Amino acid sequence: MAGKRTADGDASDPAPKKALTTSSTLASASSVPNNKTMPTNYSFIEKAPSGCCKIVTFNVNSLAASCKKGFKEYVVAEDPDILCLQETKANQPMAFLLSKTQYPHQTWHCSRAKKGYSGTAVFSKIKPLRVTTGFGAEPIDDEGRLITLEFDTFHLVACYVPNAGDKLVRLDRRMVWDDAMRTHLAALEQTKPVIYTGDLNVAHNEIDLARPDTNHRSPGFTDEERTSFSDTLRGATYPRVDALRHLHPDTRAAAYTYFGYRANCREKTLGWRLDYFVVSEPLLARVAGVVTRNQCYGASDHVPLLLYLRNVEANDDSKCSVETSGTKTESDETKDEPLEAKDELGETKDEPLEAKDKSTDENVAKSE
């Protein structure tokens, strides 16, 4: 890893380009919603642009709890083609969460490190060519943080990046993860471009959080993490692009995806942008829009983020019929059996960070 340096204005990062035409524009800071429960009317959700696939990423901060706060109603209204979830805290697949008629291809990666912790899942209407979970290396895979799906024209890497932890006790582990991810992305890009998405647990630049001046040693905004993310964007074969920031280089509060429960952060718009779509540069021309669903707060302490990806006529992923191959996962092999309530809820909630526990406006950091 390169030595410390500020990520702000790093000359090595791809310069923001002129925004592509999008179907939705992000709201100005003065009009950012501050509701604390999920909407009851989803008429603001627009249809995907013609010829586009809709991909959604959402940190649900306990899927069982989120379902009691409007998660399912949101998914029905949004109707994404691919749904990527983080921090499910499920100990095993929740068999009846979403219908296999609607989402026939379901993949779960649950934590083996401890119960009710971390976890990821991906639900897809589109049949992947191949699905794998983890990097294939222990102990880095024991928290259920990574699912990789290969489609006809791209790889989708859906993950929940480890937090650096209270007092940065896991910062070294975070750096190991970032190195492993760069190696993983580079290997995938040898065959197809990549969409790297999820809760990446970093606010890359000062524009990406409400209180940058007082958070330089808070998890998610350390120089080490921000520099590491710059290295990830730099890429190996070709650059990778933070899709939202490419389209909306000056948007601040309307781009925040996380608002801590403490210190009344949602009402005061004290947020962080921690959820991303990062795309290999060759895919950038197919990005038709990135939308922060900042109205959809309450099912979690995060809001959903979505990407519209233009299909390719000659190789339309929505018509993919190739048989699934590769590593078997907990997804399509799972029998439709209900879980006990205790298994869905788990017993361990990710520990809050010290900075998040301080009830101040100045230090409101993201929990694991």
Protein backbone atom coordinates (compact mmCIF):
# COMPACT_ATOMS: atom_id res chain seq x y z
CA MET A 1 0.00 0.00 0.00
CA ALA A 2 1.20 3.48 -0.77
CA GLY A 3 2.18 5.79 2.07
CA LYS A 4 -0.27 8.18 3.68
CA ARG A 5 -1.67 10.97 1.61
CA THR A 6 -4.94 12.81 1.48
CA ALA A 7 -7.41 11.44 -1.04
CA ASP A 8 -8.95 14.86 -1.58
CA GLY A 9 -8.00 16.16 -4.97
CA ASP A 10 -5.73 13.19 -5.66
CA ALA A 11 -4.42 13.84 -9.13
CA SER A 12 -4.42 10.09 -9.80
CA ASP A 13 -8.19 9.79 -9.47
CA PRO A 14 -10.19 10.00 -12.71
CA ALA A 15 -11.32 13.59 -13.20
CA PRO A 16 -15.10 14.08 -13.17
CA LYS A 17 -16.49 14.07 -16.67
CA LYS A 18 -19.63 15.62 -18.02
CA ALA A 19 -22.63 13.83 -16.56
CA LEU A 20 -24.50 11.40 -18.75
CA THR A 21 -28.19 11.94 -19.31
CA THR A 22 -30.03 10.38 -16.39
CA SER A 23 -33.65 9.59 -15.69
CA SER A 24 -33.50 11.19 -12.28
CA THR A 25 -31.46 13.98 -10.76
CA LEU A 26 -30.34 14.08 -7.18
CA ALA A 27 -32.08 16.58 -4.97
CA SER A 28 -30.34 19.70 -3.73
CA ALA A 29 -29.16 19.73 -0.12
CA SER A 30 -32.03 21.99 0.94
CA SER A 31 -34.60 19.44 -0.25
CA VAL A 32 -33.06 16.23 1.12
CA PRO A 33 -35.77 14.26 2.95
CA ASN A 34 -35.40 13.74 6.70
CA ASN A 35 -38.17 11.19 7.29
CA LYS A 36 -37.39 8.48 9.85
CA THR A 37 -39.81 5.83 8.61
CA MET A 38 -40.27 4.30 5.17
CA PRO A 39 -42.72 5.95 2.78
CA THR A 40 -46.24 4.60 2.44
CA ASN A 41 -46.55 5.94 -1.11
CA TYR A 42 -43.88 5.02 -3.65
CA SER A 43 -45.25 6.95 -6.59
CA PHE A 44 -41.91 8.81 -6.82
CA ILE A 45 -40.20 5.63 -8.06
CA GLU A 46 -39.81 5.95 -11.79
CA LYS A 47 -39.67 3.14 -14.30
CA ALA A 48 -36.26 2.15 -15.54
CA PRO A 49 -35.29 3.85 -18.81
CA SER A 50 -36.10 1.77 -21.87
CA GLY A 51 -33.52 -0.90 -22.52
CA CYS A 52 -31.95 -0.67 -19.07
CA CYS A 53 -31.34 -3.12 -16.27
CA LYS A 54 -31.97 -1.82 -12.73
CA ILE A 55 -29.46 -2.88 -10.07
CA VAL A 56 -30.02 -1.92 -6.42
CA THR A 57 -27.64 -2.12 -3.47
CA PHE A 58 -28.97 -1.76 0.07
CA ASN A 59 -27.37 -2.25 3.49
CA VAL A 60 -30.37 -3.46 5.50
CA ASN A 61 -28.73 -3.54 8.97
CA SER A 62 -30.46 -6.83 9.90
CA LEU A 63 -32.78 -8.23 7.29
CA ALA A 64 -35.25 -9.66 9.78
CA ALA A 65 -35.60 -6.30 11.50
CA SER A 66 -35.76 -4.46 8.17
CA CYS A 67 -38.68 -6.62 7.04
CA LYS A 68 -40.69 -5.27 9.97
CA LYS A 69 -39.99 -1.69 8.89
CA GLY A 70 -41.02 -1.73 5.24
CA PHE A 71 -38.22 -3.53 3.39
CA LYS A 72 -40.51 -5.85 1.42
CA GLU A 73 -42.88 -3.07 0.44
CA TYR A 74 -39.93 -1.10 -0.90
CA VAL A 75 -38.65 -4.04 -2.97
CA VAL A 76 -42.09 -4.56 -4.50
CA ALA A 77 -42.28 -0.88 -5.45
CA GLU A 78 -38.71 -0.66 -6.75
CA ASP A 79 -38.83 -3.99 -8.60
CA PRO A 80 -35.09 -4.18 -9.38
CA ASP A 81 -33.68 -6.72 -11.80
CA ILE A 82 -30.82 -7.41 -9.39
CA LEU A 83 -30.91 -6.68 -5.65
CA CYS A 84 -27.70 -6.73 -3.60
CA LEU A 85 -28.04 -6.73 0.20
CA GLN A 86 -25.45 -6.18 2.90
CA GLU A 87 -25.45 -6.70 6.67
CA THR A 88 -28.24 -9.25 6.46
CA LYS A 89 -27.22 -10.72 9.84
CA ALA A 90 -28.89 -13.95 8.72
CA ASN A 91 -27.42 -17.18 10.05
CA GLN A 92 -28.78 -19.11 7.08
CA PRO A 93 -30.77 -18.25 3.94
CA MET A 94 -34.24 -16.86 4.64
CA ALA A 95 -36.04 -19.16 2.26
CA PHE A 96 -39.31 -17.26 1.89
CA LEU A 97 -37.97 -13.71 1.90
CA LEU A 98 -38.58 -13.05 -1.80
CA SER A 99 -40.44 -15.30 -4.20
CA LYS A 100 -38.32 -17.53 -6.42
CA THR A 101 -40.87 -16.90 -9.14
CA GLN A 102 -39.83 -13.25 -9.14
CA TYR A 103 -36.18 -13.82 -8.20
CA PRO A 104 -35.26 -17.34 -9.30
CA HIS A 105 -31.55 -16.83 -8.71
CA GLN A 106 -30.81 -16.23 -5.02
CA THR A 107 -27.39 -16.32 -3.40
CA TRP A 108 -26.57 -15.99 0.30
CA HIS A 109 -23.19 -15.63 2.00
CA CYS A 110 -23.68 -15.88 5.75
CA SER A 111 -21.13 -15.24 8.46
CA ARG A 112 -19.43 -18.25 10.02
CA ALA A 113 -17.46 -16.07 12.42
CA LYS A 114 -20.40 -15.41 14.72
CA LYS A 115 -24.17 -15.48 14.66
CA GLY A 116 -26.29 -12.51 13.69
CA TYR A 117 -23.36 -10.70 12.07
CA SER A 118 -22.45 -9.24 8.69
CA GLY A 119 -23.71 -11.30 5.73
CA THR A 120 -24.62 -10.59 2.11
CA ALA A 121 -27.24 -11.76 -0.38
CA VAL A 122 -28.03 -11.20 -4.05
CA PHE A 123 -31.43 -11.74 -5.73
CA SER A 124 -31.54 -11.74 -9.52
CA LYS A 125 -34.15 -12.09 -12.22
CA ILE A 126 -31.28 -12.63 -14.65
CA LYS A 127 -29.55 -16.00 -14.65
CA PRO A 128 -25.83 -15.70 -13.89
CA LEU A 129 -23.30 -17.78 -15.76
CA ARG A 130 -21.33 -18.40 -12.58
CA VAL A 131 -21.64 -17.57 -8.88
CA THR A 132 -18.93 -17.65 -6.20
CA THR A 133 -18.81 -16.53 -2.59
CA GLY A 134 -15.76 -15.09 -0.88
CA PHE A 135 -12.20 -14.81 -2.13
CA GLY A 136 -11.50 -18.47 -1.54
CA ALA A 137 -9.16 -17.75 1.38
CA GLU A 138 -9.60 -18.11 5.13
CA PRO A 139 -10.02 -16.34 7.49
CA ILE A 140 -10.89 -13.40 5.25
CA ASP A 141 -14.03 -15.16 4.01
CA ASP A 142 -15.49 -16.16 7.38
CA GLU A 143 -17.77 -13.13 7.78
CA GLY A 144 -19.90 -13.66 4.65
CA ARG A 145 -19.03 -10.41 2.94
CA LEU A 146 -18.59 -11.16 -0.77
CA ILE A 147 -20.66 -12.55 -3.65
CA THR A 148 -19.43 -12.49 -7.26
CA LEU A 149 -21.73 -13.18 -10.19
CA GLU A 150 -20.70 -13.48 -13.81
CA PHE A 151 -23.20 -12.32 -16.41
CA ASP A 152 -22.93 -12.27 -20.18
CA THR A 153 -21.13 -8.93 -20.50
CA PHE A 154 -19.89 -8.09 -17.00
CA HIS A 155 -19.01 -9.38 -13.55
CA LEU A 156 -21.01 -8.14 -10.54
CA VAL A 157 -19.07 -7.97 -7.28
CA ALA A 158 -21.47 -7.39 -4.37
CA CYS A 159 -19.89 -6.91 -0.99
CA TYR A 160 -19.95 -5.54 2.53
CA VAL A 161 -16.47 -4.15 3.17
CA PRO A 162 -15.17 -4.57 6.75
CA ASN A 163 -15.24 -1.50 8.95
CA ALA A 164 -11.97 -0.38 10.53
CA GLY A 165 -13.64 -0.72 13.93
CA ASP A 166 -13.77 1.08 17.23
CA LYS A 167 -10.45 2.90 17.77
CA LEU A 168 -9.37 1.53 14.36
CA VAL A 169 -8.60 -1.87 15.86
CA ARG A 170 -9.48 -3.57 12.55
CA LEU A 171 -7.75 -1.12 10.24
CA ASP A 172 -4.99 -3.59 9.37
CA ARG A 173 -7.60 -6.23 8.52
CA ARG A 174 -9.38 -3.66 6.39
CA MET A 175 -6.19 -2.99 4.43
CA VAL A 176 -5.74 -6.74 3.86
CA TRP A 177 -9.32 -6.90 2.55
CA ASP A 178 -8.75 -3.97 0.19
CA ASP A 179 -5.62 -5.59 -1.21
CA ALA A 180 -7.48 -8.87 -1.75
CA MET A 181 -10.33 -7.01 -3.45
CA ARG A 182 -7.99 -5.23 -5.87
CA THR A 183 -6.46 -8.58 -6.81
CA HIS A 184 -9.95 -10.06 -7.24
CA LEU A 185 -11.18 -7.21 -9.43
CA ALA A 186 -8.05 -7.27 -11.59
CA ALA A 187 -8.44 -11.02 -12.17
CA LEU A 188 -12.08 -10.61 -13.18
CA GLU A 189 -11.26 -7.73 -15.52
CA GLN A 190 -9.02 -10.04 -17.52
CA THR A 191 -12.21 -11.49 -18.99
CA LYS A 192 -14.98 -8.87 -18.59
CA PRO A 193 -15.50 -5.44 -17.03
CA VAL A 194 -16.76 -5.27 -13.46
CA ILE A 195 -19.50 -3.57 -11.45
CA TYR A 196 -18.25 -3.37 -7.85
CA THR A 197 -21.07 -2.46 -5.48
CA GLY A 198 -22.26 -2.50 -1.90
CA ASP A 199 -21.49 -0.84 1.40
CA LEU A 200 -17.81 -0.07 0.75
CA ASN A 201 -17.47 1.59 4.16
CA VAL A 202 -15.49 4.61 3.01
CA ALA A 203 -16.30 8.28 2.45
CA HIS A 204 -13.77 8.93 -0.27
CA ASN A 205 -13.60 12.71 -0.20
CA GLU A 206 -14.69 15.53 2.10
CA ILE A 207 -17.81 16.06 0.02
CA ASP A 208 -18.91 12.55 1.01
CA LEU A 209 -19.75 13.28 4.64
CA ALA A 210 -21.29 16.08 6.67
CA ARG A 211 -18.48 16.63 9.19
CA PRO A 212 -15.13 15.93 7.50
CA ASP A 213 -13.05 18.21 9.74
CA THR A 214 -13.71 16.19 12.90
CA ASN A 215 -13.65 12.70 11.41
CA HIS A 216 -10.17 12.27 9.97
CA ARG A 217 -9.43 9.43 12.41
CA SER A 218 -12.93 7.97 12.33
CA PRO A 219 -13.45 4.59 10.65
CA GLY A 220 -14.37 5.12 7.02
CA PHE A 221 -12.58 8.45 6.67
CA THR A 222 -8.99 7.73 7.66
CA ASP A 223 -6.25 8.68 5.22
CA GLU A 224 -5.40 4.99 4.91
CA GLU A 225 -8.91 3.96 3.82
CA ARG A 226 -9.37 6.89 1.46
CA THR A 227 -5.99 6.33 -0.15
CA SER A 228 -6.76 2.65 -0.50
CA PHE A 229 -10.02 3.47 -2.27
CA SER A 230 -8.10 5.78 -4.63
CA ASP A 231 -5.82 2.83 -5.39
CA THR A 232 -8.88 0.69 -6.14
CA LEU A 233 -10.21 3.32 -8.55
CA ARG A 234 -6.84 3.55 -10.27
CA GLY A 235 -7.27 -0.04 -11.41
CA ALA A 236 -4.82 -2.42 -13.02
CA THR A 237 -5.84 -2.97 -16.65
CA TYR A 238 -7.79 0.30 -16.87
CA PRO A 239 -9.28 2.82 -14.42
CA ARG A 240 -12.44 2.21 -12.43
CA VAL A 241 -15.01 4.94 -11.94
CA ASP A 242 -17.17 5.93 -8.98
CA ALA A 243 -20.36 6.12 -11.06
CA LEU A 244 -22.38 8.47 -8.86
CA ARG A 245 -19.55 10.93 -8.39
CA HIS A 246 -18.85 10.83 -12.13
CA LEU A 247 -22.44 11.83 -12.88
CA HIS A 248 -22.90 14.18 -9.92
CA PRO A 249 -19.47 15.65 -9.07
CA ASP A 250 -20.80 18.42 -6.81
CA THR A 251 -23.69 16.71 -4.99
CA ARG A 252 -23.21 16.52 -1.25
CA ALA A 253 -26.06 15.81 1.19
CA ALA A 254 -28.39 14.35 -1.43
CA ALA A 255 -25.80 11.65 -2.09
CA TYR A 256 -25.48 10.48 1.53
CA THR A 257 -26.52 6.86 1.98
CA TYR A 258 -26.00 6.42 5.73
CA PHE A 259 -27.47 8.33 8.68
CA GLY A 260 -26.63 7.04 12.15
CA TYR A 261 -29.47 6.45 14.58
CA ARG A 262 -27.82 8.48 17.31
CA ALA A 263 -27.58 12.27 17.64
CA ASN A 264 -30.68 12.77 15.48
CA CYS A 265 -28.50 12.47 12.38
CA ARG A 266 -31.30 11.93 9.90
CA GLU A 267 -33.22 15.06 10.90
CA LYS A 268 -30.02 17.13 10.84
CA THR A 269 -28.82 15.60 7.53
CA LEU A 270 -25.60 14.42 9.20
CA GLY A 271 -24.81 11.65 6.79
CA TRP A 272 -22.05 9.74 5.03
CA ARG A 273 -21.83 8.39 1.48
CA LEU A 274 -20.70 4.82 2.08
CA ASP A 275 -22.52 2.86 -0.63
CA TYR A 276 -21.21 2.80 -4.19
CA PHE A 277 -21.34 1.55 -7.72
CA VAL A 278 -17.79 1.41 -9.08
CA VAL A 279 -17.54 0.37 -12.73
CA SER A 280 -14.67 -0.61 -14.95
CA GLU A 281 -14.12 2.24 -17.38
CA PRO A 282 -15.25 0.25 -20.47
CA LEU A 283 -18.71 -0.07 -18.86
CA LEU A 284 -19.11 3.65 -18.23
CA ALA A 285 -20.87 4.36 -21.53
CA ARG A 286 -23.59 1.90 -20.49
CA VAL A 287 -24.35 3.68 -17.19
CA ALA A 288 -27.62 5.53 -17.81
CA GLY A 289 -28.00 6.85 -14.28
CA VAL A 290 -27.30 6.42 -10.58
CA VAL A 291 -30.02 7.34 -8.08
CA THR A 292 -29.84 7.68 -4.31
CA ARG A 293 -33.23 6.70 -2.90
CA ASN A 294 -32.91 9.23 -0.08
CA GLN A 295 -36.67 9.12 0.52
CA CYS A 296 -36.39 5.44 1.52
CA TYR A 297 -35.04 5.69 5.05
CA GLY A 298 -36.40 3.81 8.02
CA ALA A 299 -36.04 0.14 7.15
CA SER A 300 -32.33 0.58 7.88
CA ASP A 301 -29.83 3.27 8.80
CA HIS A 302 -28.84 3.25 5.11
CA VAL A 303 -30.89 4.16 2.04
CA PRO A 304 -30.86 2.18 -1.21
CA LEU A 305 -28.68 3.15 -4.15
CA LEU A 306 -29.50 2.10 -7.69
CA LEU A 307 -27.78 1.97 -11.05
CA TYR A 308 -29.38 1.87 -14.48
CA LEU A 309 -27.26 -0.16 -16.90
CA ARG A 310 -27.99 -0.07 -20.62
CA ASN A 311 -28.39 -3.47 -22.20
CA VAL A 312 -26.34 -4.55 -25.18
CA GLU A 313 -28.51 -5.52 -28.15
CA ALA A 314 -26.28 -8.28 -29.42
CA ASN A 315 -25.74 -9.78 -25.96
CA ASP A 316 -28.65 -8.71 -23.82
CA ASP A 317 -28.10 -10.02 -20.28
CA SER A 318 -31.84 -10.04 -19.68
CA LYS A 319 -32.11 -12.85 -22.25
CA CYS A 320 -29.27 -14.90 -20.87
CA SER A 321 -30.10 -18.62 -20.92
CA VAL A 322 -26.70 -20.18 -20.29
CA GLU A 323 -26.67 -22.82 -17.55
CA THR A 324 -25.17 -21.80 -14.23
CA SER A 325 -21.72 -23.24 -13.70
CA GLY A 326 -18.87 -22.95 -11.25
CA THR A 327 -18.92 -22.98 -7.49
CA LYS A 328 -22.17 -24.08 -5.90
CA THR A 329 -23.39 -21.66 -3.29
CA GLU A 330 -26.07 -21.39 -0.65
CA SER A 331 -28.34 -19.86 -3.30
CA ASP A 332 -30.10 -22.11 -5.80
CA GLU A 333 -29.35 -25.20 -3.70
CA THR A 334 -31.41 -23.90 -0.77
CA LYS A 335 -34.67 -25.71 -0.05
CA ASP A 336 -37.67 -23.53 0.65
CA GLU A 337 -37.88 -24.19 4.37
CA PRO A 338 -38.80 -21.49 6.89
CA LEU A 339 -36.26 -20.43 9.48
CA GLU A 340 -36.88 -20.18 13.17
CA ALA A 341 -37.30 -16.62 14.28
CA LYS A 342 -34.12 -16.73 16.34
CA ASP A 343 -32.12 -17.79 13.27
CA GLU A 344 -33.40 -14.87 11.22
CA LEU A 345 -32.77 -12.33 13.92
CA GLY A 346 -29.50 -13.72 15.20
CA GLU A 347 -28.17 -12.75 18.58
CA THR A 348 -25.26 -10.48 17.83
CA LYS A 349 -25.62 -6.93 16.63
CA ASP A 350 -22.54 -5.40 15.07
CA GLU A 351 -20.83 -3.37 17.72
CA PRO A 352 -21.24 0.41 17.34
CA LEU A 353 -18.14 2.50 16.93
CA GLU A 354 -17.02 4.82 19.65
CA ALA A 355 -17.42 7.84 17.40
CA LYS A 356 -20.98 6.86 16.58
CA ASP A 357 -21.84 6.54 20.27
CA LYS A 358 -20.95 10.14 20.97
CA SER A 359 -24.16 12.14 20.82
CA THR A 360 -22.67 15.11 19.05
CA ASP A 361 -23.03 16.66 15.66
CA GLU A 362 -19.29 16.65 15.13
CA ASN A 363 -18.41 12.95 15.30
CA VAL A 364 -21.03 10.64 13.86
CA ALA A 365 -19.25 7.67 12.35
CA LYS A 366 -20.62 4.56 10.68
CA SER A 367 -20.97 1.37 12.70
CA GLU A 368 -19.79 -2.01 11.42
